[in-house]
Amino acid sequence: MANEERKDFNAMLHKPVEMPRVQILTDRASIQKYGGEKMLLAPPLAYDAIMKTIPWGSVTTVGAIRAYLAQKYDADFTDPITAGIFVSLAAWASHQRSDDQTPYWRVLKANGELNAKYPGGVTAQKERLEAEGHTVVQKGRTHLRYVVQDYQAALYPLNEPLNAGR
């Protein structure tokens, strides 16, 4: 995202959208790639609501949130592009609020990787995760990335029904 400090992310988060909705794909390559034809487009508030349930010391991944929402709405998968955008949107909206925080730093990318698109980038997310007892390690030589070591042990189970975004 660009010009984050000039945007009103809370207005974007609460903007009325025609979601959730399940879109039926007909493109064979996409169906094969994602493992089904029923693609969920979930609203940004759904992601925000789930992110708010992750307790101190626990983490989840964007992929786990996507899988949870797909199951909740009887879809084969959740659109990965909107999921990434809406998770970042929820993070920036929380950053702009003084109360009702969303602990976005507890939401990791695939394989426990930190998200450079969050407010403050990887450095801020790393500091918050380490303050909650996680160990963050650097991976790679040319393409540096940071991951939560043994993040699987701290994964919060997303299996309780929510009324997120409805």
N, C-alpha and C. Protein backbone atom coordinates (compact mmCIF):
# COMPACT_ATOMS: atom_id res chain seq x y z
N MET A 1 0.84 -1.18 0.00
CA MET A 1 0.00 0.00 0.00
C MET A 1 0.89 1.24 0.00
N ALA A 2 0.34 2.30 -0.50
CA ALA A 2 1.10 3.54 -0.55
C ALA A 2 0.30 4.66 0.11
N ASN A 3 1.03 5.64 0.63
CA ASN A 3 0.41 6.80 1.29
C ASN A 3 -0.51 6.40 2.43
N GLU A 4 -0.07 5.42 3.23
CA GLU A 4 -0.91 4.90 4.30
C GLU A 4 -1.37 5.96 5.29
N GLU A 5 -0.51 6.91 5.60
CA GLU A 5 -0.85 7.91 6.61
C GLU A 5 -1.93 8.88 6.13
N ARG A 6 -2.19 8.95 4.83
CA ARG A 6 -3.21 9.85 4.30
C ARG A 6 -4.57 9.19 4.14
N LYS A 7 -4.63 7.89 4.24
CA LYS A 7 -5.88 7.16 4.01
C LYS A 7 -6.63 6.94 5.32
N ASP A 8 -7.95 6.88 5.23
CA ASP A 8 -8.79 6.56 6.38
C ASP A 8 -9.16 5.08 6.29
N PHE A 9 -8.32 4.25 6.90
CA PHE A 9 -8.52 2.81 6.81
C PHE A 9 -9.75 2.34 7.57
N ASN A 10 -10.13 3.06 8.62
CA ASN A 10 -11.34 2.67 9.34
C ASN A 10 -12.59 2.89 8.49
N ALA A 11 -12.60 3.96 7.70
CA ALA A 11 -13.71 4.18 6.78
C ALA A 11 -13.75 3.06 5.75
N MET A 12 -12.59 2.67 5.23
CA MET A 12 -12.53 1.58 4.25
C MET A 12 -12.98 0.26 4.87
N LEU A 13 -12.58 0.02 6.12
CA LEU A 13 -12.93 -1.22 6.81
C LEU A 13 -14.44 -1.34 6.98
N HIS A 14 -15.10 -0.22 7.23
CA HIS A 14 -16.54 -0.22 7.50
C HIS A 14 -17.39 0.14 6.28
N LYS A 15 -16.76 0.32 5.14
CA LYS A 15 -17.50 0.65 3.92
C LYS A 15 -18.41 -0.53 3.55
N PRO A 16 -19.69 -0.24 3.29
CA PRO A 16 -20.60 -1.33 2.90
C PRO A 16 -20.13 -2.02 1.61
N VAL A 17 -20.10 -3.33 1.65
CA VAL A 17 -19.71 -4.12 0.49
C VAL A 17 -20.71 -5.26 0.30
N GLU A 18 -20.81 -5.73 -0.91
CA GLU A 18 -21.72 -6.84 -1.20
C GLU A 18 -21.00 -8.16 -0.96
N MET A 19 -20.64 -8.37 0.28
CA MET A 19 -19.93 -9.58 0.70
C MET A 19 -20.49 -9.96 2.06
N PRO A 20 -20.43 -11.19 2.44
CA PRO A 20 -19.77 -12.30 1.75
C PRO A 20 -20.59 -12.77 0.55
N ARG A 21 -19.86 -13.28 -0.41
CA ARG A 21 -20.52 -13.90 -1.55
C ARG A 21 -19.59 -14.98 -2.10
N VAL A 22 -20.21 -16.00 -2.63
CA VAL A 22 -19.46 -17.09 -3.24
C VAL A 22 -19.60 -16.95 -4.75
N GLN A 23 -18.45 -16.89 -5.39
CA GLN A 23 -18.40 -16.75 -6.85
C GLN A 23 -18.02 -18.10 -7.44
N ILE A 24 -18.72 -18.53 -8.46
CA ILE A 24 -18.43 -19.80 -9.11
C ILE A 24 -17.45 -19.54 -10.26
N LEU A 25 -16.30 -20.20 -10.19
CA LEU A 25 -15.28 -20.06 -11.23
C LEU A 25 -15.54 -21.05 -12.36
N THR A 26 -15.20 -20.66 -13.55
CA THR A 26 -15.33 -21.56 -14.70
C THR A 26 -13.98 -21.83 -15.35
N ASP A 27 -12.98 -21.05 -14.99
CA ASP A 27 -11.63 -21.21 -15.54
C ASP A 27 -10.98 -22.46 -14.95
N ARG A 28 -10.74 -23.46 -15.79
CA ARG A 28 -10.19 -24.75 -15.34
C ARG A 28 -8.84 -24.60 -14.63
N ALA A 29 -8.00 -23.71 -15.12
CA ALA A 29 -6.68 -23.54 -14.49
C ALA A 29 -6.83 -23.03 -13.06
N SER A 30 -7.73 -22.07 -12.84
CA SER A 30 -7.95 -21.55 -11.50
C SER A 30 -8.58 -22.60 -10.59
N ILE A 31 -9.52 -23.35 -11.12
CA ILE A 31 -10.17 -24.41 -10.34
C ILE A 31 -9.13 -25.43 -9.88
N GLN A 32 -8.24 -25.80 -10.79
CA GLN A 32 -7.19 -26.76 -10.43
C GLN A 32 -6.21 -26.15 -9.44
N LYS A 33 -5.83 -24.91 -9.66
CA LYS A 33 -4.86 -24.24 -8.79
C LYS A 33 -5.37 -24.13 -7.36
N TYR A 34 -6.64 -23.75 -7.18
CA TYR A 34 -7.18 -23.50 -5.85
C TYR A 34 -7.97 -24.67 -5.27
N GLY A 35 -8.21 -25.70 -6.07
CA GLY A 35 -8.86 -26.89 -5.53
C GLY A 35 -10.37 -26.82 -5.46
N GLY A 36 -10.98 -26.04 -6.32
CA GLY A 36 -12.44 -25.99 -6.33
C GLY A 36 -12.93 -24.81 -7.13
N GLU A 37 -14.24 -24.80 -7.35
CA GLU A 37 -14.84 -23.74 -8.15
C GLU A 37 -15.57 -22.69 -7.33
N LYS A 38 -15.84 -22.97 -6.06
CA LYS A 38 -16.58 -22.02 -5.22
C LYS A 38 -15.60 -21.14 -4.44
N MET A 39 -15.44 -19.89 -4.92
CA MET A 39 -14.49 -18.94 -4.31
C MET A 39 -15.26 -17.93 -3.44
N LEU A 40 -14.89 -17.86 -2.18
CA LEU A 40 -15.50 -16.91 -1.27
C LEU A 40 -14.82 -15.56 -1.36
N LEU A 41 -15.62 -14.52 -1.43
CA LEU A 41 -15.15 -13.14 -1.26
C LEU A 41 -15.73 -12.70 0.07
N ALA A 42 -14.89 -12.64 1.08
CA ALA A 42 -15.33 -12.29 2.44
C ALA A 42 -15.07 -10.80 2.69
N PRO A 43 -15.92 -10.16 3.48
CA PRO A 43 -15.75 -8.72 3.74
C PRO A 43 -14.57 -8.44 4.67
N PRO A 44 -14.03 -7.24 4.61
CA PRO A 44 -12.90 -6.90 5.47
C PRO A 44 -13.21 -7.03 6.96
N LEU A 45 -14.45 -6.74 7.35
CA LEU A 45 -14.80 -6.87 8.77
C LEU A 45 -14.74 -8.31 9.25
N ALA A 46 -14.92 -9.28 8.35
CA ALA A 46 -14.80 -10.68 8.74
C ALA A 46 -13.35 -11.00 9.15
N TYR A 47 -12.41 -10.50 8.38
CA TYR A 47 -11.00 -10.71 8.71
C TYR A 47 -10.66 -10.02 10.02
N ASP A 48 -11.11 -8.78 10.19
CA ASP A 48 -10.84 -8.03 11.40
C ASP A 48 -11.40 -8.74 12.62
N ALA A 49 -12.63 -9.24 12.52
CA ALA A 49 -13.25 -9.93 13.65
C ALA A 49 -12.46 -11.18 14.05
N ILE A 50 -12.00 -11.94 13.09
CA ILE A 50 -11.22 -13.14 13.40
C ILE A 50 -9.88 -12.75 14.01
N MET A 51 -9.23 -11.74 13.45
CA MET A 51 -7.94 -11.29 13.97
C MET A 51 -8.06 -10.87 15.43
N LYS A 52 -9.20 -10.30 15.81
CA LYS A 52 -9.41 -9.86 17.19
C LYS A 52 -9.52 -11.02 18.17
N THR A 53 -9.78 -12.23 17.69
CA THR A 53 -9.93 -13.38 18.59
C THR A 53 -8.61 -14.03 18.96
N ILE A 54 -7.53 -13.67 18.30
CA ILE A 54 -6.24 -14.33 18.56
C ILE A 54 -5.67 -13.79 19.87
N PRO A 55 -5.54 -14.65 20.88
CA PRO A 55 -5.10 -14.17 22.20
C PRO A 55 -3.59 -13.93 22.28
N TRP A 56 -3.21 -13.22 23.31
CA TRP A 56 -1.81 -12.92 23.61
C TRP A 56 -1.02 -14.23 23.61
N GLY A 57 0.15 -14.23 22.97
CA GLY A 57 1.03 -15.40 22.94
C GLY A 57 0.70 -16.41 21.85
N SER A 58 -0.41 -16.23 21.17
CA SER A 58 -0.79 -17.13 20.08
C SER A 58 -0.64 -16.41 18.74
N VAL A 59 -0.62 -17.18 17.69
CA VAL A 59 -0.56 -16.62 16.33
C VAL A 59 -1.49 -17.43 15.43
N THR A 60 -1.73 -16.90 14.26
CA THR A 60 -2.42 -17.62 13.21
C THR A 60 -1.79 -17.18 11.89
N THR A 61 -2.26 -17.75 10.81
CA THR A 61 -1.76 -17.36 9.50
C THR A 61 -2.93 -16.85 8.65
N VAL A 62 -2.61 -16.09 7.63
CA VAL A 62 -3.63 -15.63 6.70
C VAL A 62 -4.30 -16.87 6.08
N GLY A 63 -3.52 -17.88 5.77
CA GLY A 63 -4.06 -19.10 5.19
C GLY A 63 -5.06 -19.80 6.10
N ALA A 64 -4.80 -19.81 7.40
CA ALA A 64 -5.73 -20.42 8.35
C ALA A 64 -7.03 -19.63 8.42
N ILE A 65 -6.94 -18.31 8.38
CA ILE A 65 -8.14 -17.48 8.37
C ILE A 65 -8.93 -17.73 7.09
N ARG A 66 -8.24 -17.81 5.98
CA ARG A 66 -8.92 -18.08 4.70
C ARG A 66 -9.63 -19.42 4.72
N ALA A 67 -8.96 -20.44 5.23
CA ALA A 67 -9.57 -21.77 5.29
C ALA A 67 -10.80 -21.77 6.21
N TYR A 68 -10.68 -21.08 7.34
CA TYR A 68 -11.80 -20.98 8.28
C TYR A 68 -13.01 -20.32 7.62
N LEU A 69 -12.78 -19.20 6.94
CA LEU A 69 -13.88 -18.49 6.29
C LEU A 69 -14.49 -19.32 5.16
N ALA A 70 -13.67 -20.00 4.40
CA ALA A 70 -14.19 -20.85 3.31
C ALA A 70 -15.11 -21.93 3.88
N GLN A 71 -14.69 -22.54 4.96
CA GLN A 71 -15.51 -23.58 5.58
C GLN A 71 -16.81 -22.98 6.13
N LYS A 72 -16.69 -21.84 6.78
CA LYS A 72 -17.86 -21.20 7.37
C LYS A 72 -18.92 -20.88 6.32
N TYR A 73 -18.50 -20.46 5.14
CA TYR A 73 -19.44 -20.05 4.10
C TYR A 73 -19.62 -21.13 3.02
N ASP A 74 -19.20 -22.36 3.32
CA ASP A 74 -19.38 -23.49 2.42
C ASP A 74 -18.80 -23.21 1.03
N ALA A 75 -17.58 -22.69 1.02
CA ALA A 75 -16.87 -22.43 -0.23
C ALA A 75 -15.67 -23.38 -0.29
N ASP A 76 -15.10 -23.51 -1.48
CA ASP A 76 -13.92 -24.36 -1.64
C ASP A 76 -12.65 -23.64 -1.18
N PHE A 77 -12.62 -22.33 -1.36
CA PHE A 77 -11.46 -21.54 -0.95
C PHE A 77 -11.87 -20.08 -0.87
N THR A 78 -11.01 -19.28 -0.27
CA THR A 78 -11.23 -17.84 -0.15
C THR A 78 -10.24 -17.13 -1.07
N ASP A 79 -10.71 -16.12 -1.76
CA ASP A 79 -9.86 -15.39 -2.70
C ASP A 79 -8.59 -14.90 -1.99
N PRO A 80 -7.42 -15.33 -2.45
CA PRO A 80 -6.19 -14.95 -1.76
C PRO A 80 -5.82 -13.47 -1.92
N ILE A 81 -6.20 -12.86 -3.01
CA ILE A 81 -5.86 -11.45 -3.24
C ILE A 81 -6.62 -10.55 -2.27
N THR A 82 -7.94 -10.70 -2.23
CA THR A 82 -8.71 -9.86 -1.31
C THR A 82 -8.37 -10.18 0.14
N ALA A 83 -8.05 -11.43 0.43
CA ALA A 83 -7.67 -11.79 1.80
C ALA A 83 -6.44 -10.99 2.24
N GLY A 84 -5.42 -10.96 1.42
CA GLY A 84 -4.21 -10.21 1.75
C GLY A 84 -4.48 -8.73 1.91
N ILE A 85 -5.28 -8.20 1.01
CA ILE A 85 -5.62 -6.77 1.07
C ILE A 85 -6.41 -6.47 2.34
N PHE A 86 -7.39 -7.31 2.66
CA PHE A 86 -8.26 -7.03 3.80
C PHE A 86 -7.56 -7.25 5.14
N VAL A 87 -6.62 -8.17 5.21
CA VAL A 87 -5.83 -8.34 6.44
C VAL A 87 -4.97 -7.09 6.67
N SER A 88 -4.34 -6.60 5.61
CA SER A 88 -3.56 -5.37 5.72
C SER A 88 -4.45 -4.18 6.06
N LEU A 89 -5.61 -4.12 5.47
CA LEU A 89 -6.57 -3.05 5.75
C LEU A 89 -6.95 -3.05 7.23
N ALA A 90 -7.23 -4.22 7.79
CA ALA A 90 -7.58 -4.33 9.21
C ALA A 90 -6.40 -3.88 10.09
N ALA A 91 -5.19 -4.23 9.68
CA ALA A 91 -4.00 -3.82 10.44
C ALA A 91 -3.85 -2.31 10.46
N TRP A 92 -3.96 -1.67 9.31
CA TRP A 92 -3.81 -0.22 9.23
C TRP A 92 -4.95 0.50 9.92
N ALA A 93 -6.16 -0.06 9.85
CA ALA A 93 -7.30 0.55 10.55
C ALA A 93 -7.05 0.52 12.05
N SER A 94 -6.56 -0.59 12.55
CA SER A 94 -6.25 -0.69 13.98
C SER A 94 -5.16 0.30 14.38
N HIS A 95 -4.16 0.42 13.54
CA HIS A 95 -3.05 1.35 13.78
C HIS A 95 -3.55 2.79 13.91
N GLN A 96 -4.60 3.13 13.19
CA GLN A 96 -5.13 4.48 13.21
C GLN A 96 -6.09 4.74 14.37
N ARG A 97 -6.49 3.70 15.09
CA ARG A 97 -7.41 3.86 16.21
C ARG A 97 -6.65 3.95 17.52
N SER A 98 -7.23 4.63 18.49
CA SER A 98 -6.61 4.68 19.81
C SER A 98 -7.22 3.64 20.75
N ASP A 99 -8.37 3.08 20.37
CA ASP A 99 -8.98 2.03 21.18
C ASP A 99 -9.47 0.92 20.25
N ASP A 100 -10.01 -0.15 20.84
CA ASP A 100 -10.53 -1.28 20.07
C ASP A 100 -9.48 -1.83 19.10
N GLN A 101 -8.30 -2.09 19.63
CA GLN A 101 -7.19 -2.58 18.80
C GLN A 101 -7.43 -3.99 18.26
N THR A 102 -6.94 -4.21 17.08
CA THR A 102 -6.91 -5.53 16.46
C THR A 102 -5.46 -6.00 16.52
N PRO A 103 -5.18 -7.13 17.17
CA PRO A 103 -3.78 -7.59 17.29
C PRO A 103 -3.27 -8.21 15.98
N TYR A 104 -3.17 -7.39 14.96
CA TYR A 104 -2.77 -7.83 13.63
C TYR A 104 -1.39 -8.46 13.60
N TRP A 105 -0.51 -8.07 14.50
CA TRP A 105 0.86 -8.60 14.51
C TRP A 105 0.88 -10.10 14.78
N ARG A 106 -0.22 -10.63 15.27
CA ARG A 106 -0.32 -12.08 15.54
C ARG A 106 -0.72 -12.87 14.30
N VAL A 107 -0.97 -12.20 13.20
CA VAL A 107 -1.35 -12.86 11.95
C VAL A 107 -0.13 -12.88 11.04
N LEU A 108 0.31 -14.09 10.73
CA LEU A 108 1.52 -14.31 9.94
C LEU A 108 1.16 -14.71 8.52
N LYS A 109 2.13 -14.55 7.65
CA LYS A 109 2.00 -15.06 6.29
C LYS A 109 2.30 -16.57 6.33
N ALA A 110 2.32 -17.19 5.17
CA ALA A 110 2.59 -18.62 5.08
C ALA A 110 3.94 -18.97 5.71
N ASN A 111 4.01 -20.12 6.31
CA ASN A 111 5.22 -20.64 6.93
C ASN A 111 5.74 -19.78 8.08
N GLY A 112 4.85 -19.02 8.70
CA GLY A 112 5.23 -18.23 9.87
C GLY A 112 5.97 -16.95 9.56
N GLU A 113 5.90 -16.50 8.31
CA GLU A 113 6.65 -15.30 7.90
C GLU A 113 5.96 -14.03 8.36
N LEU A 114 6.77 -13.05 8.76
CA LEU A 114 6.26 -11.75 9.16
C LEU A 114 5.83 -10.96 7.92
N ASN A 115 4.93 -9.99 8.13
CA ASN A 115 4.33 -9.26 7.02
C ASN A 115 4.88 -7.84 6.96
N ALA A 116 5.66 -7.56 5.94
CA ALA A 116 6.28 -6.23 5.77
C ALA A 116 5.26 -5.14 5.47
N LYS A 117 4.03 -5.51 5.11
CA LYS A 117 3.01 -4.52 4.77
C LYS A 117 2.23 -4.01 5.98
N TYR A 118 2.51 -4.54 7.15
CA TYR A 118 1.84 -4.06 8.36
C TYR A 118 2.46 -2.73 8.79
N PRO A 119 1.74 -1.95 9.60
CA PRO A 119 2.30 -0.69 10.10
C PRO A 119 3.63 -0.92 10.82
N GLY A 120 4.63 -0.15 10.45
CA GLY A 120 5.96 -0.32 11.05
C GLY A 120 6.78 -1.43 10.43
N GLY A 121 6.19 -2.15 9.48
CA GLY A 121 6.90 -3.21 8.79
C GLY A 121 7.29 -4.37 9.67
N VAL A 122 8.25 -5.13 9.20
CA VAL A 122 8.72 -6.33 9.89
C VAL A 122 9.29 -5.98 11.27
N THR A 123 9.97 -4.85 11.37
CA THR A 123 10.61 -4.46 12.64
C THR A 123 9.57 -4.33 13.75
N ALA A 124 8.48 -3.64 13.48
CA ALA A 124 7.44 -3.45 14.51
C ALA A 124 6.75 -4.76 14.84
N GLN A 125 6.47 -5.57 13.83
CA GLN A 125 5.82 -6.86 14.10
C GLN A 125 6.74 -7.76 14.92
N LYS A 126 8.00 -7.76 14.58
CA LYS A 126 8.99 -8.56 15.31
C LYS A 126 9.03 -8.15 16.79
N GLU A 127 9.07 -6.86 17.05
CA GLU A 127 9.12 -6.37 18.43
C GLU A 127 7.89 -6.81 19.22
N ARG A 128 6.72 -6.70 18.61
CA ARG A 128 5.48 -7.08 19.31
C ARG A 128 5.42 -8.58 19.56
N LEU A 129 5.83 -9.37 18.58
CA LEU A 129 5.81 -10.82 18.76
C LEU A 129 6.82 -11.27 19.82
N GLU A 130 7.99 -10.67 19.79
CA GLU A 130 9.00 -11.02 20.80
C GLU A 130 8.54 -10.62 22.20
N ALA A 131 7.81 -9.52 22.31
CA ALA A 131 7.27 -9.09 23.60
C ALA A 131 6.25 -10.09 24.14
N GLU A 132 5.66 -10.89 23.25
CA GLU A 132 4.70 -11.91 23.66
C GLU A 132 5.36 -13.28 23.80
N GLY A 133 6.69 -13.33 23.74
CA GLY A 133 7.41 -14.58 24.00
C GLY A 133 7.83 -15.38 22.79
N HIS A 134 7.58 -14.89 21.59
CA HIS A 134 7.96 -15.62 20.38
C HIS A 134 9.41 -15.30 20.01
N THR A 135 10.04 -16.25 19.35
CA THR A 135 11.38 -16.04 18.82
C THR A 135 11.27 -15.84 17.32
N VAL A 136 11.80 -14.73 16.84
CA VAL A 136 11.77 -14.42 15.41
C VAL A 136 13.18 -14.61 14.87
N VAL A 137 13.28 -15.38 13.79
CA VAL A 137 14.59 -15.65 13.19
C VAL A 137 14.61 -15.17 11.75
N GLN A 138 15.82 -14.85 11.30
CA GLN A 138 16.03 -14.40 9.93
C GLN A 138 16.32 -15.61 9.06
N LYS A 139 15.73 -15.63 7.86
CA LYS A 139 15.96 -16.71 6.90
C LYS A 139 16.43 -16.11 5.59
N GLY A 140 17.20 -16.89 4.85
CA GLY A 140 17.64 -16.48 3.52
C GLY A 140 18.93 -15.69 3.54
N ARG A 141 19.55 -15.65 2.36
CA ARG A 141 20.80 -14.89 2.21
C ARG A 141 20.63 -13.69 1.32
N THR A 142 19.92 -13.88 0.20
CA THR A 142 19.72 -12.75 -0.72
C THR A 142 18.33 -12.16 -0.53
N HIS A 143 17.34 -13.00 -0.36
CA HIS A 143 15.97 -12.54 -0.10
C HIS A 143 15.70 -12.77 1.39
N LEU A 144 16.03 -11.78 2.19
CA LEU A 144 15.87 -11.91 3.64
C LEU A 144 14.40 -11.88 4.03
N ARG A 145 14.03 -12.79 4.91
CA ARG A 145 12.69 -12.77 5.46
C ARG A 145 12.80 -13.19 6.92
N TYR A 146 11.78 -12.85 7.68
CA TYR A 146 11.77 -13.15 9.10
C TYR A 146 10.57 -14.03 9.40
N VAL A 147 10.79 -15.05 10.21
CA VAL A 147 9.74 -16.00 10.55
C VAL A 147 9.71 -16.23 12.06
N VAL A 148 8.54 -16.60 12.55
CA VAL A 148 8.42 -16.99 13.96
C VAL A 148 8.86 -18.44 14.05
N GLN A 149 9.89 -18.66 14.85
CA GLN A 149 10.43 -20.00 15.04
C GLN A 149 9.38 -20.86 15.72
N ASP A 150 9.16 -22.06 15.21
CA ASP A 150 8.20 -23.01 15.77
C ASP A 150 6.80 -22.39 15.92
N TYR A 151 6.40 -21.59 14.94
CA TYR A 151 5.11 -20.92 15.02
C TYR A 151 3.95 -21.90 15.13
N GLN A 152 4.11 -23.11 14.58
CA GLN A 152 3.04 -24.10 14.62
C GLN A 152 2.61 -24.42 16.05
N ALA A 153 3.56 -24.36 16.98
CA ALA A 153 3.25 -24.67 18.39
C ALA A 153 2.38 -23.59 19.02
N ALA A 154 2.37 -22.40 18.45
CA ALA A 154 1.60 -21.28 19.01
C ALA A 154 0.34 -20.98 18.20
N LEU A 155 0.03 -21.81 17.20
CA LEU A 155 -1.15 -21.55 16.37
C LEU A 155 -2.43 -21.63 17.19
N TYR A 156 -3.26 -20.63 17.03
CA TYR A 156 -4.55 -20.59 17.70
C TYR A 156 -5.57 -21.29 16.82
N PRO A 157 -6.31 -22.25 17.37
CA PRO A 157 -7.27 -22.99 16.54
C PRO A 157 -8.49 -22.13 16.18
N LEU A 158 -8.72 -21.98 14.91
CA LEU A 158 -9.87 -21.22 14.42
C LEU A 158 -10.99 -22.21 14.09
N ASN A 159 -11.64 -22.70 15.11
CA ASN A 159 -12.69 -23.69 14.83
C ASN A 159 -14.02 -23.37 15.49
N GLU A 160 -14.10 -22.23 16.16
CA GLU A 160 -15.36 -21.81 16.77
C GLU A 160 -16.15 -20.98 15.77
N PRO A 161 -17.43 -21.20 15.63
CA PRO A 161 -18.21 -20.38 14.71
C PRO A 161 -18.21 -18.91 15.15
N LEU A 162 -18.08 -18.04 14.18
CA LEU A 162 -18.11 -16.60 14.43
C LEU A 162 -19.25 -16.00 13.64
N ASN A 163 -19.66 -14.85 14.02
CA ASN A 163 -20.63 -14.08 13.22
C ASN A 163 -19.91 -12.93 12.56
N ALA A 164 -18.68 -13.15 12.17
CA ALA A 164 -17.84 -12.10 11.60
C ALA A 164 -18.39 -11.62 10.27
N GLY A 165 -18.54 -10.33 10.18
CA GLY A 165 -18.89 -9.72 8.91
C GLY A 165 -20.31 -9.93 8.45
N ARG A 166 -21.17 -10.49 9.26
CA ARG A 166 -22.56 -10.73 8.86
C ARG A 166 -23.45 -9.67 9.40
